[in-house]
């Protein structure tokens, strides 16, 4: 098996797993927001209003990380192996 094909498969699985984690986290934050906010405001000494910003930044940074470190290499390798 070619190294490029192996790398393509690696980044494809990485993309799938990371997208799944992002989806799961988003669903949990939407579904259980009051419970999560209550717990995390006590754990980290943050006000509940600040947690909305923290959650938004977390999801945004994670999405950018997926695009940079999984999607972009995967698409680049797919283009390289199809040519």
PDB file of N, CA and C in Angstrom:
ATOM      1  N   UNK A   1       0.850  -1.180   0.000  1.00  0.00           N
ATOM      2  CA  UNK A   1       0.000   0.000   0.000  1.00  0.00           C
ATOM      3  C   UNK A   1       0.896   1.244   0.000  1.00  0.00           C
ATOM      4  N   UNK A   2       0.544   2.180  -0.824  1.00  0.00           N
ATOM      5  CA  UNK A   2       1.326   3.401  -0.965  1.00  0.00           C
ATOM      6  C   UNK A   2       1.242   4.269   0.289  1.00  0.00           C
ATOM      7  N   UNK A   3       2.333   4.986   0.541  1.00  0.00           N
ATOM      8  CA  UNK A   3       2.353   5.885   1.700  1.00  0.00           C
ATOM      9  C   UNK A   3       1.295   6.976   1.588  1.00  0.00           C
ATOM     10  N   UNK A   4       1.073   7.484   0.365  1.00  0.00           N
ATOM     11  CA  UNK A   4       0.061   8.525   0.183  1.00  0.00           C
ATOM     12  C   UNK A   4      -1.339   8.004   0.481  1.00  0.00           C
ATOM     13  N   UNK A   5      -1.616   6.781   0.071  1.00  0.00           N
ATOM     14  CA  UNK A   5      -2.926   6.190   0.339  1.00  0.00           C
ATOM     15  C   UNK A   5      -3.106   5.977   1.844  1.00  0.00           C
ATOM     16  N   UNK A   6      -2.056   5.521   2.499  1.00  0.00           N
ATOM     17  CA  UNK A   6      -2.112   5.310   3.941  1.00  0.00           C
ATOM     18  C   UNK A   6      -2.332   6.634   4.683  1.00  0.00           C
ATOM     19  N   UNK A   7      -1.628   7.675   4.277  1.00  0.00           N
ATOM     20  CA  UNK A   7      -1.813   8.998   4.884  1.00  0.00           C
ATOM     21  C   UNK A   7      -3.212   9.547   4.622  1.00  0.00           C
ATOM     22  N   UNK A   8      -3.708   9.321   3.411  1.00  0.00           N
ATOM     23  CA  UNK A   8      -5.055   9.766   3.074  1.00  0.00           C
ATOM     24  C   UNK A   8      -6.087   9.092   3.970  1.00  0.00           C
ATOM     25  N   UNK A   9      -5.921   7.797   4.176  1.00  0.00           N
ATOM     26  CA  UNK A   9      -6.838   7.079   5.059  1.00  0.00           C
ATOM     27  C   UNK A   9      -6.721   7.588   6.499  1.00  0.00           C
ATOM     28  N   UNK A  10      -5.516   7.848   6.942  1.00  0.00           N
ATOM     29  CA  UNK A  10      -5.309   8.366   8.296  1.00  0.00           C
ATOM     30  C   UNK A  10      -6.042   9.685   8.493  1.00  0.00           C
ATOM     31  N   UNK A  11      -5.851  10.631   7.567  1.00  0.00           N
ATOM     32  CA  UNK A  11      -6.494  11.931   7.715  1.00  0.00           C
ATOM     33  C   UNK A  11      -8.009  11.838   7.510  1.00  0.00           C
ATOM     34  N   UNK A  12      -8.460  10.897   6.690  1.00  0.00           N
ATOM     35  CA  UNK A  12      -9.892  10.689   6.542  1.00  0.00           C
ATOM     36  C   UNK A  12     -10.532  10.219   7.836  1.00  0.00           C
ATOM     37  N   UNK A  13      -9.909   9.252   8.497  1.00  0.00           N
ATOM     38  CA  UNK A  13     -10.422   8.769   9.778  1.00  0.00           C
ATOM     39  C   UNK A  13     -10.307   9.847  10.851  1.00  0.00           C
ATOM     40  N   UNK A  14      -9.218  10.579  10.830  1.00  0.00           N
ATOM     41  CA  UNK A  14      -9.044  11.677  11.782  1.00  0.00           C
ATOM     42  C   UNK A  14     -10.156  12.706  11.617  1.00  0.00           C
ATOM     43  N   UNK A  15     -10.477  13.032  10.384  1.00  0.00           N
ATOM     44  CA  UNK A  15     -11.555  13.977  10.100  1.00  0.00           C
ATOM     45  C   UNK A  15     -12.888  13.447  10.607  1.00  0.00           C
ATOM     46  N   UNK A  16     -13.176  12.201  10.350  1.00  0.00           N
ATOM     47  CA  UNK A  16     -14.435  11.601  10.767  1.00  0.00           C
ATOM     48  C   UNK A  16     -14.562  11.569  12.294  1.00  0.00           C
ATOM     49  N   UNK A  17     -13.514  11.155  12.976  1.00  0.00           N
ATOM     50  CA  UNK A  17     -13.550  11.080  14.438  1.00  0.00           C
ATOM     51  C   UNK A  17     -13.690  12.474  15.056  1.00  0.00           C
ATOM     52  N   UNK A  18     -12.919  13.432  14.561  1.00  0.00           N
ATOM     53  CA  UNK A  18     -12.991  14.790  15.105  1.00  0.00           C
ATOM     54  C   UNK A  18     -14.332  15.450  14.823  1.00  0.00           C
ATOM     55  N   UNK A  19     -14.888  15.221  13.653  1.00  0.00           N
ATOM     56  CA  UNK A  19     -16.218  15.772  13.345  1.00  0.00           C
ATOM     57  C   UNK A  19     -17.271  15.147  14.255  1.00  0.00           C
ATOM     58  N   UNK A  20     -17.129  13.870  14.542  1.00  0.00           N
ATOM     59  CA  UNK A  20     -18.044  13.202  15.461  1.00  0.00           C
ATOM     60  C   UNK A  20     -17.958  13.775  16.866  1.00  0.00           C
ATOM     61  N   UNK A  21     -16.742  14.027  17.329  1.00  0.00           N
ATOM     62  CA  UNK A  21     -16.555  14.629  18.659  1.00  0.00           C
ATOM     63  C   UNK A  21     -17.164  16.023  18.702  1.00  0.00           C
ATOM     64  N   UNK A  22     -16.946  16.800  17.644  1.00  0.00           N
ATOM     65  CA  UNK A  22     -17.517  18.149  17.578  1.00  0.00           C
ATOM     66  C   UNK A  22     -19.043  18.093  17.594  1.00  0.00           C
ATOM     67  N   UNK A  23     -19.618  17.192  16.822  1.00  0.00           N
ATOM     68  CA  UNK A  23     -21.075  17.043  16.784  1.00  0.00           C
ATOM     69  C   UNK A  23     -21.622  16.613  18.141  1.00  0.00           C
ATOM     70  N   UNK A  24     -20.984  15.628  18.755  1.00  0.00           N
ATOM     71  CA  UNK A  24     -21.410  15.148  20.069  1.00  0.00           C
ATOM     72  C   UNK A  24     -21.355  16.271  21.107  1.00  0.00           C
ATOM     73  N   UNK A  25     -20.250  17.003  21.127  1.00  0.00           N
ATOM     74  CA  UNK A  25     -20.094  18.095  22.084  1.00  0.00           C
ATOM     75  C   UNK A  25     -21.143  19.174  21.866  1.00  0.00           C
ATOM     76  N   UNK A  26     -21.406  19.515  20.613  1.00  0.00           N
ATOM     77  CA  UNK A  26     -22.409  20.522  20.304  1.00  0.00           C
ATOM     78  C   UNK A  26     -23.790  20.082  20.769  1.00  0.00           C
ATOM     79  N   UNK A  27     -24.138  18.830  20.506  1.00  0.00           N
ATOM     80  CA  UNK A  27     -25.439  18.318  20.935  1.00  0.00           C
ATOM     81  C   UNK A  27     -25.549  18.327  22.456  1.00  0.00           C
ATOM     82  N   UNK A  28     -24.493  17.917  23.147  1.00  0.00           N
ATOM     83  CA  UNK A  28     -24.511  17.914  24.610  1.00  0.00           C
ATOM     84  C   UNK A  28     -24.661  19.328  25.177  1.00  0.00           C
ATOM     85  N   UNK A  29     -23.946  20.290  24.585  1.00  0.00           N
ATOM     86  CA  UNK A  29     -24.045  21.664  25.071  1.00  0.00           C
ATOM     87  C   UNK A  29     -25.430  22.250  24.817  1.00  0.00           C
ATOM     88  N   UNK A  30     -26.058  21.881  23.724  1.00  0.00           N
ATOM     89  CA  UNK A  30     -27.396  22.384  23.437  1.00  0.00           C
ATOM     90  C   UNK A  30     -28.429  21.692  24.321  1.00  0.00           C
ATOM     91  N   UNK A  31     -28.308  20.396  24.461  1.00  0.00           N
ATOM     92  CA  UNK A  31     -29.319  19.618  25.183  1.00  0.00           C
ATOM     93  C   UNK A  31     -29.258  19.801  26.700  1.00  0.00           C
ATOM     94  N   UNK A  32     -28.066  19.874  27.240  1.00  0.00           N
ATOM     95  CA  UNK A  32     -27.902  19.908  28.694  1.00  0.00           C
ATOM     96  C   UNK A  32     -27.244  21.195  29.177  1.00  0.00           C
ATOM     97  N   UNK A  33     -27.516  22.284  28.512  1.00  0.00           N
ATOM     98  CA  UNK A  33     -26.870  23.558  28.839  1.00  0.00           C
ATOM     99  C   UNK A  33     -27.064  23.984  30.297  1.00  0.00           C
ATOM    100  N   UNK A  34     -28.279  23.954  30.853  1.00  0.00           N
ATOM    101  CA  UNK A  34     -28.420  24.406  32.252  1.00  0.00           C
ATOM    102  C   UNK A  34     -27.603  23.567  33.241  1.00  0.00           C
ATOM    103  N   UNK A  35     -27.619  22.255  33.052  1.00  0.00           N
ATOM    104  CA  UNK A  35     -26.876  21.396  33.968  1.00  0.00           C
ATOM    105  C   UNK A  35     -25.371  21.596  33.825  1.00  0.00           C
ATOM    106  N   UNK A  36     -24.912  21.691  32.584  1.00  0.00           N
ATOM    107  CA  UNK A  36     -23.480  21.878  32.329  1.00  0.00           C
ATOM    108  C   UNK A  36     -23.012  23.236  32.847  1.00  0.00           C
ATOM    109  N   UNK A  37     -23.822  24.266  32.610  1.00  0.00           N
ATOM    110  CA  UNK A  37     -23.456  25.602  33.083  1.00  0.00           C
ATOM    111  C   UNK A  37     -23.364  25.643  34.603  1.00  0.00           C
ATOM    112  N   UNK A  38     -24.311  25.007  35.255  1.00  0.00           N
ATOM    113  CA  UNK A  38     -24.302  24.996  36.717  1.00  0.00           C
ATOM    114  C   UNK A  38     -23.047  24.309  37.248  1.00  0.00           C
ATOM    115  N   UNK A  39     -22.736  23.158  36.696  1.00  0.00           N
ATOM    116  CA  UNK A  39     -21.563  22.414  37.144  1.00  0.00           C
ATOM    117  C   UNK A  39     -20.269  23.168  36.853  1.00  0.00           C
ATOM    118  N   UNK A  40     -20.121  23.662  35.643  1.00  0.00           N
ATOM    119  CA  UNK A  40     -18.869  24.300  35.274  1.00  0.00           C
ATOM    120  C   UNK A  40     -18.688  25.679  35.903  1.00  0.00           C
ATOM    121  N   UNK A  41     -19.780  26.372  36.186  1.00  0.00           N
ATOM    122  CA  UNK A  41     -19.632  27.660  36.876  1.00  0.00           C
ATOM    123  C   UNK A  41     -19.111  27.447  38.287  1.00  0.00           C
ATOM    124  N   UNK A  42     -19.478  26.333  38.909  1.00  0.00           N
ATOM    125  CA  UNK A  42     -18.952  26.026  40.244  1.00  0.00           C
ATOM    126  C   UNK A  42     -17.505  25.537  40.172  1.00  0.00           C
ATOM    127  N   UNK A  43     -17.199  24.710  39.187  1.00  0.00           N
ATOM    128  CA  UNK A  43     -15.848  24.148  39.078  1.00  0.00           C
ATOM    129  C   UNK A  43     -14.795  25.201  38.752  1.00  0.00           C
ATOM    130  N   UNK A  44     -15.130  26.111  37.860  1.00  0.00           N
ATOM    131  CA  UNK A  44     -14.126  27.048  37.352  1.00  0.00           C
ATOM    132  C   UNK A  44     -14.324  28.477  37.828  1.00  0.00           C
ATOM    133  N   UNK A  45     -15.251  28.680  38.744  1.00  0.00           N
ATOM    134  CA  UNK A  45     -15.521  30.002  39.312  1.00  0.00           C
ATOM    135  C   UNK A  45     -15.790  31.051  38.233  1.00  0.00           C
ATOM    136  N   UNK A  46     -16.619  30.680  37.284  1.00  0.00           N
ATOM    137  CA  UNK A  46     -17.035  31.603  36.227  1.00  0.00           C
ATOM    138  C   UNK A  46     -18.527  31.870  36.375  1.00  0.00           C
ATOM    139  N   UNK A  47     -18.919  33.058  35.963  1.00  0.00           N
ATOM    140  CA  UNK A  47     -20.347  33.348  35.952  1.00  0.00           C
ATOM    141  C   UNK A  47     -20.984  32.651  34.756  1.00  0.00           C
ATOM    142  N   UNK A  48     -22.254  32.330  34.894  1.00  0.00           N
ATOM    143  CA  UNK A  48     -22.941  31.588  33.839  1.00  0.00           C
ATOM    144  C   UNK A  48     -22.984  32.364  32.529  1.00  0.00           C
ATOM    145  N   UNK A  49     -23.020  33.691  32.612  1.00  0.00           N
ATOM    146  CA  UNK A  49     -23.030  34.504  31.394  1.00  0.00           C
ATOM    147  C   UNK A  49     -21.710  34.366  30.623  1.00  0.00           C
ATOM    148  N   UNK A  50     -20.601  34.205  31.343  1.00  0.00           N
ATOM    149  CA  UNK A  50     -19.295  34.054  30.690  1.00  0.00           C
ATOM    150  C   UNK A  50     -19.169  32.704  29.981  1.00  0.00           C
ATOM    151  N   UNK A  51     -19.881  31.723  30.461  1.00  0.00           N
ATOM    152  CA  UNK A  51     -19.758  30.385  29.891  1.00  0.00           C
ATOM    153  C   UNK A  51     -20.242  30.312  28.450  1.00  0.00           C
ATOM    154  N   UNK A  52     -21.225  31.116  28.074  1.00  0.00           N
ATOM    155  CA  UNK A  52     -21.666  31.127  26.673  1.00  0.00           C
ATOM    156  C   UNK A  52     -20.516  31.497  25.746  1.00  0.00           C
ATOM    157  N   UNK A  53     -19.736  32.486  26.153  1.00  0.00           N
ATOM    158  CA  UNK A  53     -18.581  32.909  25.351  1.00  0.00           C
ATOM    159  C   UNK A  53     -17.531  31.802  25.310  1.00  0.00           C
ATOM    160  N   UNK A  54     -17.295  31.172  26.451  1.00  0.00           N
ATOM    161  CA  UNK A  54     -16.309  30.095  26.526  1.00  0.00           C
ATOM    162  C   UNK A  54     -16.728  28.933  25.628  1.00  0.00           C
ATOM    163  N   UNK A  55     -17.998  28.555  25.676  1.00  0.00           N
ATOM    164  CA  UNK A  55     -18.489  27.452  24.842  1.00  0.00           C
ATOM    165  C   UNK A  55     -18.372  27.792  23.366  1.00  0.00           C
ATOM    166  N   UNK A  56     -18.738  29.019  23.007  1.00  0.00           N
ATOM    167  CA  UNK A  56     -18.660  29.429  21.606  1.00  0.00           C
ATOM    168  C   UNK A  56     -17.216  29.397  21.112  1.00  0.00           C
ATOM    169  N   UNK A  57     -16.291  29.908  21.925  1.00  0.00           N
ATOM    170  CA  UNK A  57     -14.879  29.909  21.534  1.00  0.00           C
ATOM    171  C   UNK A  57     -14.348  28.485  21.404  1.00  0.00           C
ATOM    172  N   UNK A  58     -14.719  27.626  22.344  1.00  0.00           N
ATOM    173  CA  UNK A  58     -14.279  26.228  22.288  1.00  0.00           C
ATOM    174  C   UNK A  58     -14.723  25.571  20.982  1.00  0.00           C
ATOM    175  N   UNK A  59     -16.006  25.712  20.656  1.00  0.00           N
ATOM    176  CA  UNK A  59     -16.509  25.091  19.434  1.00  0.00           C
ATOM    177  C   UNK A  59     -15.871  25.699  18.188  1.00  0.00           C
ATOM    178  N   UNK A  60     -15.672  27.004  18.196  1.00  0.00           N
ATOM    179  CA  UNK A  60     -15.047  27.670  17.049  1.00  0.00           C
ATOM    180  C   UNK A  60     -13.599  27.237  16.863  1.00  0.00           C
ATOM    181  N   UNK A  61     -12.830  27.200  17.946  1.00  0.00           N
ATOM    182  CA  UNK A  61     -11.426  26.795  17.852  1.00  0.00           C
ATOM    183  C   UNK A  61     -11.296  25.334  17.448  1.00  0.00           C
ATOM    184  N   UNK A  62     -12.172  24.497  17.971  1.00  0.00           N
ATOM    185  CA  UNK A  62     -12.122  23.075  17.622  1.00  0.00           C
ATOM    186  C   UNK A  62     -12.438  22.885  16.140  1.00  0.00           C
ATOM    187  N   UNK A  63     -13.414  23.638  15.651  1.00  0.00           N
ATOM    188  CA  UNK A  63     -13.780  23.549  14.230  1.00  0.00           C
ATOM    189  C   UNK A  63     -12.626  24.034  13.344  1.00  0.00           C
ATOM    190  N   UNK A  64     -11.990  25.113  13.729  1.00  0.00           N
ATOM    191  CA  UNK A  64     -10.842  25.609  12.963  1.00  0.00           C
ATOM    192  C   UNK A  64      -9.711  24.585  12.985  1.00  0.00           C
ATOM    193  N   UNK A  65      -9.488  23.960  14.136  1.00  0.00           N
ATOM    194  CA  UNK A  65      -8.465  22.920  14.239  1.00  0.00           C
ATOM    195  C   UNK A  65      -8.758  21.737  13.328  1.00  0.00           C
ATOM    196  N   UNK A  66     -10.010  21.338  13.257  1.00  0.00           N
ATOM    197  CA  UNK A  66     -10.395  20.235  12.368  1.00  0.00           C
ATOM    198  C   UNK A  66     -10.118  20.609  10.916  1.00  0.00           C
ATOM    199  N   UNK A  67     -10.474  21.823  10.552  1.00  0.00           N
ATOM    200  CA  UNK A  67     -10.258  22.262   9.171  1.00  0.00           C
ATOM    201  C   UNK A  67      -8.769  22.297   8.845  1.00  0.00           C
ATOM    202  N   UNK A  68      -7.966  22.845   9.761  1.00  0.00           N
ATOM    203  CA  UNK A  68      -6.530  22.985   9.503  1.00  0.00           C
ATOM    204  C   UNK A  68      -5.777  21.659   9.537  1.00  0.00           C
ATOM    205  N   UNK A  69      -6.091  20.818  10.512  1.00  0.00           N
ATOM    206  CA  UNK A  69      -5.261  19.643  10.749  1.00  0.00           C
ATOM    207  C   UNK A  69      -5.850  18.321  10.252  1.00  0.00           C
ATOM    208  N   UNK A  70      -7.097  18.319   9.809  1.00  0.00           N
ATOM    209  CA  UNK A  70      -7.678  17.081   9.288  1.00  0.00           C
ATOM    210  C   UNK A  70      -8.224  17.257   7.874  1.00  0.00           C
ATOM    211  N   UNK A  71      -9.094  18.254   7.693  1.00  0.00           N
ATOM    212  CA  UNK A  71      -9.749  18.425   6.388  1.00  0.00           C
ATOM    213  C   UNK A  71      -8.775  18.862   5.291  1.00  0.00           C
ATOM    214  N   UNK A  72      -7.967  19.871   5.573  1.00  0.00           N
ATOM    215  CA  UNK A  72      -7.044  20.378   4.553  1.00  0.00           C
ATOM    216  C   UNK A  72      -6.034  19.318   4.101  1.00  0.00           C
ATOM    217  N   UNK A  73      -5.360  18.608   5.027  1.00  0.00           N
ATOM    218  CA  UNK A  73      -4.446  17.555   4.563  1.00  0.00           C
ATOM    219  C   UNK A  73      -5.173  16.431   3.819  1.00  0.00           C
ATOM    220  N   UNK A  74      -6.371  16.090   4.283  1.00  0.00           N
ATOM    221  CA  UNK A  74      -7.141  15.032   3.622  1.00  0.00           C
ATOM    222  C   UNK A  74      -7.465  15.424   2.179  1.00  0.00           C
ATOM    223  N   UNK A  75      -7.967  16.629   1.992  1.00  0.00           N
ATOM    224  CA  UNK A  75      -8.304  17.080   0.629  1.00  0.00           C
ATOM    225  C   UNK A  75      -7.056  17.183  -0.246  1.00  0.00           C
ATOM    226  N   UNK A  76      -5.961  17.671   0.327  1.00  0.00           N
ATOM    227  CA  UNK A  76      -4.720  17.776  -0.441  1.00  0.00           C
ATOM    228  C   UNK A  76      -4.233  16.403  -0.900  1.00  0.00           C
ATOM    229  N   UNK A  77      -4.278  15.436  -0.010  1.00  0.00           N
ATOM    230  CA  UNK A  77      -3.838  14.080  -0.370  1.00  0.00           C
ATOM    231  C   UNK A  77      -4.789  13.440  -1.372  1.00  0.00           C
ATOM    232  N   UNK A  78      -6.085  13.704  -1.243  1.00  0.00           N
ATOM    233  CA  UNK A  78      -7.030  13.162  -2.224  1.00  0.00           C
ATOM    234  C   UNK A  78      -6.738  13.719  -3.606  1.00  0.00           C
ATOM    235  N   UNK A  79      -6.416  14.998  -3.679  1.00  0.00           N
ATOM    236  CA  UNK A  79      -6.082  15.607  -4.963  1.00  0.00           C
ATOM    237  C   UNK A  79      -4.786  15.018  -5.511  1.00  0.00           C
ATOM    238  N   UNK A  80      -3.805  14.822  -4.636  1.00  0.00           N
ATOM    239  CA  UNK A  80      -2.520  14.272  -5.073  1.00  0.00           C
ATOM    240  C   UNK A  80      -2.655  12.831  -5.575  1.00  0.00           C
ATOM    241  N   UNK A  81      -3.481  12.032  -4.901  1.00  0.00           N
ATOM    242  CA  UNK A  81      -3.578  10.614  -5.296  1.00  0.00           C
ATOM    243  C   UNK A  81      -4.485  10.407  -6.490  1.00  0.00           C
ATOM    244  N   UNK A  82      -5.357  11.381  -6.787  1.00  0.00           N
ATOM    245  CA  UNK A  82      -6.245  11.207  -7.945  1.00  0.00           C
ATOM    246  C   UNK A  82      -5.583  11.687  -9.244  1.00  0.00           C
ATOM    247  N   UNK A  83      -4.529  12.469  -9.119  1.00  0.00           N
ATOM    248  CA  UNK A  83      -3.877  13.019 -10.330  1.00  0.00           C
ATOM    249  C   UNK A  83      -2.925  12.015 -10.947  1.00  0.00           C
TER     250      UNK A  83
END
